C-alpha atoms as a PDB file:
ATOM      1  CA  UNK A   1      10.033   9.120 -20.116  1.00  0.00           C
ATOM      2  CA  UNK A   2      12.495  11.898 -19.169  1.00  0.00           C
ATOM      3  CA  UNK A   3       9.955  14.415 -20.401  1.00  0.00           C
ATOM      4  CA  UNK A   4       7.160  12.927 -18.270  1.00  0.00           C
ATOM      5  CA  UNK A   5       9.323  13.044 -15.137  1.00  0.00           C
ATOM      6  CA  UNK A   6      10.341  16.603 -16.030  1.00  0.00           C
ATOM      7  CA  UNK A   7       6.690  17.616 -16.321  1.00  0.00           C
ATOM      8  CA  UNK A   8       5.997  16.174 -12.865  1.00  0.00           C
ATOM      9  CA  UNK A   9       8.972  18.005 -11.326  1.00  0.00           C
ATOM     10  CA  UNK A  10       7.855  21.296 -12.908  1.00  0.00           C
ATOM     11  CA  UNK A  11       4.232  20.838 -11.864  1.00  0.00           C
ATOM     12  CA  UNK A  12       5.096  19.955  -8.262  1.00  0.00           C
ATOM     13  CA  UNK A  13       7.648  22.799  -8.053  1.00  0.00           C
ATOM     14  CA  UNK A  14       5.059  25.301  -9.273  1.00  0.00           C
ATOM     15  CA  UNK A  15       2.443  23.920  -6.840  1.00  0.00           C
ATOM     16  CA  UNK A  16       4.911  24.586  -3.999  1.00  0.00           C
ATOM     17  CA  UNK A  17       5.448  28.137  -5.307  1.00  0.00           C
ATOM     18  CA  UNK A  18       9.161  27.588  -5.877  1.00  0.00           C
ATOM     19  CA  UNK A  19      11.308  29.004  -8.661  1.00  0.00           C
ATOM     20  CA  UNK A  20      13.866  26.795 -10.381  1.00  0.00           C
ATOM     21  CA  UNK A  21      16.585  28.743  -8.553  1.00  0.00           C
ATOM     22  CA  UNK A  22      14.947  28.182  -5.142  1.00  0.00           C
ATOM     23  CA  UNK A  23      14.574  24.439  -5.757  1.00  0.00           C
ATOM     24  CA  UNK A  24      18.166  24.280  -7.020  1.00  0.00           C
ATOM     25  CA  UNK A  25      19.453  26.050  -3.906  1.00  0.00           C
ATOM     26  CA  UNK A  26      17.557  23.628  -1.646  1.00  0.00           C
ATOM     27  CA  UNK A  27      19.142  20.668  -3.450  1.00  0.00           C
ATOM     28  CA  UNK A  28      22.621  22.136  -3.844  1.00  0.00           C
ATOM     29  CA  UNK A  29      22.510  22.080  -7.655  1.00  0.00           C
ATOM     30  CA  UNK A  30      22.302  24.776 -10.309  1.00  0.00           C
ATOM     31  CA  UNK A  31      19.105  26.259 -11.708  1.00  0.00           C
ATOM     32  CA  UNK A  32      20.343  25.008 -15.101  1.00  0.00           C
ATOM     33  CA  UNK A  33      20.244  21.424 -13.761  1.00  0.00           C
ATOM     34  CA  UNK A  34      16.626  21.879 -12.628  1.00  0.00           C
ATOM     35  CA  UNK A  35      15.788  23.342 -16.038  1.00  0.00           C
ATOM     36  CA  UNK A  36      17.315  20.284 -17.764  1.00  0.00           C
ATOM     37  CA  UNK A  37      15.225  17.965 -15.606  1.00  0.00           C
ATOM     38  CA  UNK A  38      12.030  19.853 -16.347  1.00  0.00           C
ATOM     39  CA  UNK A  39      12.628  19.895 -20.120  1.00  0.00           C
ATOM     40  CA  UNK A  40      13.500  16.212 -20.213  1.00  0.00           C
ATOM     41  CA  UNK A  41      17.111  16.867 -21.218  1.00  0.00           C
ATOM     42  CA  UNK A  42      18.348  14.986 -18.142  1.00  0.00           C
ATOM     43  CA  UNK A  43      17.415  13.327 -14.887  1.00  0.00           C
ATOM     44  CA  UNK A  44      18.448  14.071 -11.314  1.00  0.00           C
ATOM     45  CA  UNK A  45      21.238  12.015  -9.819  1.00  0.00           C
ATOM     46  CA  UNK A  46      20.031   9.006  -7.854  1.00  0.00           C
ATOM     47  CA  UNK A  47      21.385  10.620  -4.667  1.00  0.00           C
ATOM     48  CA  UNK A  48      18.933  13.511  -5.223  1.00  0.00           C
ATOM     49  CA  UNK A  49      15.757  11.428  -5.519  1.00  0.00           C
ATOM     50  CA  UNK A  50      14.826  11.565  -1.829  1.00  0.00           C
ATOM     51  CA  UNK A  51      15.830  15.216  -1.236  1.00  0.00           C
ATOM     52  CA  UNK A  52      13.968  16.242  -4.420  1.00  0.00           C
ATOM     53  CA  UNK A  53      10.836  14.339  -3.380  1.00  0.00           C
ATOM     54  CA  UNK A  54      11.031  15.888   0.108  1.00  0.00           C
ATOM     55  CA  UNK A  55      11.455  19.394  -1.332  1.00  0.00           C
ATOM     56  CA  UNK A  56       8.366  18.861  -3.498  1.00  0.00           C
ATOM     57  CA  UNK A  57       6.393  17.199  -0.650  1.00  0.00           C
ATOM     58  CA  UNK A  58       5.789  13.929  -2.498  1.00  0.00           C
ATOM     59  CA  UNK A  59       7.091  10.390  -2.175  1.00  0.00           C
ATOM     60  CA  UNK A  60       9.814   9.153  -4.535  1.00  0.00           C
ATOM     61  CA  UNK A  61       7.249   6.736  -5.985  1.00  0.00           C
ATOM     62  CA  UNK A  62       4.806   9.576  -6.673  1.00  0.00           C
ATOM     63  CA  UNK A  63       7.566  11.701  -8.162  1.00  0.00           C
ATOM     64  CA  UNK A  64       8.569   9.125 -10.746  1.00  0.00           C
ATOM     65  CA  UNK A  65       5.198   7.513 -11.383  1.00  0.00           C
ATOM     66  CA  UNK A  66       3.260  10.743 -11.700  1.00  0.00           C
ATOM     67  CA  UNK A  67       0.406   9.314  -9.650  1.00  0.00           C
ATOM     68  CA  UNK A  68      -0.583  11.529  -6.773  1.00  0.00           C
ATOM     69  CA  UNK A  69      -1.605   9.677  -3.652  1.00  0.00           C
ATOM     70  CA  UNK A  70      -3.929  11.518  -1.334  1.00  0.00           C
ATOM     71  CA  UNK A  71      -5.124   9.877   1.827  1.00  0.00           C
ATOM     72  CA  UNK A  72      -8.587  11.309   2.478  1.00  0.00           C
ATOM     73  CA  UNK A  73      -8.990   9.280   5.646  1.00  0.00           C
ATOM     74  CA  UNK A  74      -7.942  12.089   7.993  1.00  0.00           C
ATOM     75  CA  UNK A  75      -9.955  10.653  10.900  1.00  0.00           C
ATOM     76  CA  UNK A  76      -7.877   7.439  10.655  1.00  0.00           C
ATOM     77  CA  UNK A  77     -10.963   5.225  10.602  1.00  0.00           C
ATOM     78  CA  UNK A  78      -9.548   1.695  10.733  1.00  0.00           C
ATOM     79  CA  UNK A  79     -12.500   0.405   8.727  1.00  0.00           C
ATOM     80  CA  UNK A  80     -10.985   2.204   5.707  1.00  0.00           C
ATOM     81  CA  UNK A  81      -7.857   0.053   5.913  1.00  0.00           C
ATOM     82  CA  UNK A  82      -6.129  -0.765   2.615  1.00  0.00           C
ATOM     83  CA  UNK A  83      -4.016  -3.871   2.059  1.00  0.00           C
ATOM     84  CA  UNK A  84      -1.046  -4.214  -0.287  1.00  0.00           C
ATOM     85  CA  UNK A  85       0.749  -7.484  -1.142  1.00  0.00           C
ATOM     86  CA  UNK A  86       4.091  -7.746  -2.956  1.00  0.00           C
ATOM     87  CA  UNK A  87       3.821 -10.242  -5.845  1.00  0.00           C
ATOM     88  CA  UNK A  88       7.564 -10.964  -5.600  1.00  0.00           C
ATOM     89  CA  UNK A  89       8.197 -11.679  -1.898  1.00  0.00           C
ATOM     90  CA  UNK A  90       4.665 -11.807  -0.445  1.00  0.00           C
ATOM     91  CA  UNK A  91       5.264  -8.894   1.949  1.00  0.00           C
ATOM     92  CA  UNK A  92       2.007  -7.551   3.418  1.00  0.00           C
ATOM     93  CA  UNK A  93       1.440  -3.864   4.089  1.00  0.00           C
ATOM     94  CA  UNK A  94      -1.698  -2.302   5.518  1.00  0.00           C
ATOM     95  CA  UNK A  95      -2.512   1.341   5.979  1.00  0.00           C
ATOM     96  CA  UNK A  96      -5.349   3.487   7.206  1.00  0.00           C
ATOM     97  CA  UNK A  97      -6.144   4.866   3.756  1.00  0.00           C
ATOM     98  CA  UNK A  98      -4.308   4.907   0.464  1.00  0.00           C
ATOM     99  CA  UNK A  99      -0.526   5.291   0.343  1.00  0.00           C
ATOM    100  CA  UNK A 100       2.265   5.102  -2.225  1.00  0.00           C
ATOM    101  CA  UNK A 101       4.197   1.931  -1.450  1.00  0.00           C
ATOM    102  CA  UNK A 102       6.621  -0.269  -3.311  1.00  0.00           C
ATOM    103  CA  UNK A 103       8.407  -3.513  -2.502  1.00  0.00           C
ATOM    104  CA  UNK A 104      11.047  -5.419  -4.466  1.00  0.00           C
ATOM    105  CA  UNK A 105      11.036  -2.603  -7.018  1.00  0.00           C
ATOM    106  CA  UNK A 106       7.308  -2.985  -7.718  1.00  0.00           C
ATOM    107  CA  UNK A 107       4.742  -0.264  -7.017  1.00  0.00           C
ATOM    108  CA  UNK A 108       1.919  -1.927  -5.118  1.00  0.00           C
ATOM    109  CA  UNK A 109      -1.684  -0.986  -5.816  1.00  0.00           C
ATOM    110  CA  UNK A 110      -4.221  -1.286  -2.997  1.00  0.00           C
ATOM    111  CA  UNK A 111      -6.068  -4.601  -3.168  1.00  0.00           C
ATOM    112  CA  UNK A 112      -9.733  -4.456  -4.084  1.00  0.00           C
ATOM    113  CA  UNK A 113     -11.693  -6.763  -1.789  1.00  0.00           C
ATOM    114  CA  UNK A 114     -14.451  -8.974  -3.190  1.00  0.00           C
ATOM    115  CA  UNK A 115     -17.238 -10.506  -1.172  1.00  0.00           C
ATOM    116  CA  UNK A 116     -16.095 -13.955  -0.073  1.00  0.00           C
ATOM    117  CA  UNK A 117     -17.564 -16.772  -2.125  1.00  0.00           C
ATOM    118  CA  UNK A 118     -18.181 -20.268  -0.765  1.00  0.00           C
ATOM    119  CA  UNK A 119     -14.613 -21.398  -1.497  1.00  0.00           C
ATOM    120  CA  UNK A 120     -13.105 -18.459   0.402  1.00  0.00           C
ATOM    121  CA  UNK A 121     -15.589 -17.936   3.237  1.00  0.00           C
ATOM    122  CA  UNK A 122     -14.153 -18.128   6.713  1.00  0.00           C
ATOM    123  CA  UNK A 123     -16.026 -19.939   9.461  1.00  0.00           C
ATOM    124  CA  UNK A 124     -16.205 -18.084  12.768  1.00  0.00           C
ATOM    125  CA  UNK A 125     -16.781 -19.717  16.144  1.00  0.00           C
ATOM    126  CA  UNK A 126     -16.926 -17.857  19.476  1.00  0.00           C
ATOM    127  CA  UNK A 127     -14.480 -19.368  21.990  1.00  0.00           C
ATOM    128  CA  UNK A 128     -14.435 -17.647  25.402  1.00  0.00           C
ATOM    129  CA  UNK A 129     -13.340 -14.045  24.715  1.00  0.00           C
ATOM    130  CA  UNK A 130     -12.072 -14.757  21.182  1.00  0.00           C
ATOM    131  CA  UNK A 131     -13.295 -15.576  17.700  1.00  0.00           C
ATOM    132  CA  UNK A 132     -11.808 -18.753  16.239  1.00  0.00           C
ATOM    133  CA  UNK A 133     -11.557 -18.198  12.485  1.00  0.00           C
ATOM    134  CA  UNK A 134     -10.715 -21.006  10.087  1.00  0.00           C
ATOM    135  CA  UNK A 135     -10.980 -22.002   6.451  1.00  0.00           C
ATOM    136  CA  UNK A 136     -11.183 -25.207   4.470  1.00  0.00           C
ATOM    137  CA  UNK A 137      -9.386 -23.508   1.591  1.00  0.00           C
ATOM    138  CA  UNK A 138      -6.503 -25.523   0.081  1.00  0.00           C
ATOM    139  CA  UNK A 139      -3.135 -24.571   1.557  1.00  0.00           C
ATOM    140  CA  UNK A 140      -0.912 -25.789  -1.280  1.00  0.00           C
ATOM    141  CA  UNK A 141       2.441 -24.258  -2.217  1.00  0.00           C
ATOM    142  CA  UNK A 142       1.064 -22.417  -5.254  1.00  0.00           C
ATOM    143  CA  UNK A 143      -2.480 -21.733  -3.976  1.00  0.00           C
ATOM    144  CA  UNK A 144      -3.175 -20.826  -0.362  1.00  0.00           C
ATOM    145  CA  UNK A 145      -4.563 -18.178   1.964  1.00  0.00           C
ATOM    146  CA  UNK A 146      -1.620 -15.920   2.781  1.00  0.00           C
ATOM    147  CA  UNK A 147      -3.215 -13.979   5.629  1.00  0.00           C
ATOM    148  CA  UNK A 148      -6.400 -13.236   7.492  1.00  0.00           C
ATOM    149  CA  UNK A 149      -7.201  -9.922   9.146  1.00  0.00           C
ATOM    150  CA  UNK A 150      -9.958  -8.646  11.367  1.00  0.00           C
ATOM    151  CA  UNK A 151     -10.538  -4.919  10.880  1.00  0.00           C
ATOM    152  CA  UNK A 152     -12.548  -3.166  13.547  1.00  0.00           C
ATOM    153  CA  UNK A 153     -13.124   0.534  14.084  1.00  0.00           C
ATOM    154  CA  UNK A 154     -10.227   0.822  16.549  1.00  0.00           C
ATOM    155  CA  UNK A 155      -7.780  -1.919  15.465  1.00  0.00           C
ATOM    156  CA  UNK A 156      -6.477  -4.253  12.782  1.00  0.00           C
ATOM    157  CA  UNK A 157      -5.431  -7.752  13.813  1.00  0.00           C
ATOM    158  CA  UNK A 158      -3.519  -9.592  11.089  1.00  0.00           C
ATOM    159  CA  UNK A 159      -2.413 -13.227  11.103  1.00  0.00           C
ATOM    160  CA  UNK A 160       0.030 -14.636   8.533  1.00  0.00           C
ATOM    161  CA  UNK A 161      -0.681 -18.102   7.161  1.00  0.00           C
ATOM    162  CA  UNK A 162       1.721 -20.348   5.248  1.00  0.00           C
ATOM    163  CA  UNK A 163       1.344 -23.021   2.574  1.00  0.00           C
ATOM    164  CA  UNK A 164       0.856 -26.544   3.886  1.00  0.00           C
ATOM    165  CA  UNK A 165      -0.110 -25.092   7.282  1.00  0.00           C
ATOM    166  CA  UNK A 166      -3.454 -24.766   8.994  1.00  0.00           C
ATOM    167  CA  UNK A 167      -5.705 -21.852   8.046  1.00  0.00           C
ATOM    168  CA  UNK A 168      -6.939 -21.042  11.515  1.00  0.00           C
ATOM    169  CA  UNK A 169      -6.426 -18.251  14.035  1.00  0.00           C
ATOM    170  CA  UNK A 170      -7.919 -16.603  17.102  1.00  0.00           C
ATOM    171  CA  UNK A 171      -8.941 -12.957  17.103  1.00  0.00           C
ATOM    172  CA  UNK A 172     -10.032 -10.822  20.070  1.00  0.00           C
ATOM    173  CA  UNK A 173     -13.817 -10.809  20.415  1.00  0.00           C
ATOM    174  CA  UNK A 174     -14.617  -7.113  20.777  1.00  0.00           C
ATOM    175  CA  UNK A 175     -17.640  -6.171  18.748  1.00  0.00           C
ATOM    176  CA  UNK A 176     -18.097  -6.487  15.031  1.00  0.00           C
ATOM    177  CA  UNK A 177     -15.833  -5.804  12.094  1.00  0.00           C
ATOM    178  CA  UNK A 178     -14.789  -7.061   8.691  1.00  0.00           C
ATOM    179  CA  UNK A 179     -12.811 -10.252   8.140  1.00  0.00           C
ATOM    180  CA  UNK A 180     -10.386 -10.331   5.231  1.00  0.00           C
ATOM    181  CA  UNK A 181      -8.541 -13.287   3.728  1.00  0.00           C
ATOM    182  CA  UNK A 182      -6.003 -13.075   0.908  1.00  0.00           C
ATOM    183  CA  UNK A 183      -5.913 -15.940  -1.598  1.00  0.00           C
ATOM    184  CA  UNK A 184      -2.703 -16.097  -3.616  1.00  0.00           C
ATOM    185  CA  UNK A 185      -4.692 -16.894  -6.784  1.00  0.00           C
ATOM    186  CA  UNK A 186      -8.001 -15.090  -6.342  1.00  0.00           C
ATOM    187  CA  UNK A 187      -7.086 -11.977  -4.348  1.00  0.00           C
ATOM    188  CA  UNK A 188      -8.562 -10.320  -1.300  1.00  0.00           C
ATOM    189  CA  UNK A 189     -11.892 -11.544   0.066  1.00  0.00           C
ATOM    190  CA  UNK A 190     -14.032  -9.954   2.759  1.00  0.00           C
ATOM    191  CA  UNK A 191     -17.003 -10.837   4.909  1.00  0.00           C
ATOM    192  CA  UNK A 192     -18.774  -9.154   7.794  1.00  0.00           C
ATOM    193  CA  UNK A 193     -18.211 -10.504  11.267  1.00  0.00           C
END
């Protein structure tokens, strides 16, 4: 594993056009230390993780996982929103494009949304200037809908739901979009609004 991390450090350093001595000077270490990291003979001190990642223009997660994350959504189109859910604490993260994110020590992959089946479909009713969205999905402690989100071209509206609670929420009625619901057993579902 040391060797793999060393290869990533070397590759990223070379991509930035830095010598080992230049990187070492930036971090306040010796060029010999950088050489040891790159050959797999050692690892940087924990206190150097963030400065090293910053010097190489990557996240700490990217640095140690080796997976480059490139967000190609430069126009920030909200319809390209990605959702991430921590399997440990249930934390929900959304971003306009792909990011490197971790929670509770776990690297979170973006959720792949499936078309909502009958069991996960949300019913939508117009009420004045809002959409009332609800589900008949079970809301048991070990199997429930954790959140619902309405993604439109200019905004994301997310509502957190809890086990043994009602799966219903109101969303602003401003055009069309995509409704998402996250089932704790079956993953992320989507349907057009």
